Amino acid sequence: MALAKFYYGNLNAWIVRSLRPIYSDEMIMSSVIVRIHYKNHTS
C-alpha cells in the first residue's frame, strides 16, 4: 500500500512537473497535499 502511494505520488509530481516546469518541488508537494485535504473534507 505504502509503495503504491509512493509510486502514485511520484507519478503525479512528474506529470505536474512536465506540465508546469516553472513550479518547484515544494510548490508541487504543497499543492498535492492541499488537494488531498480538500478532497477528504468535501467528500
Foldseek 3Di string as FASTA:
>chain_A
DVVVVVVVLVVQLVVVCVVPVVDDPVVSVVVVVVVVVVVVVVD
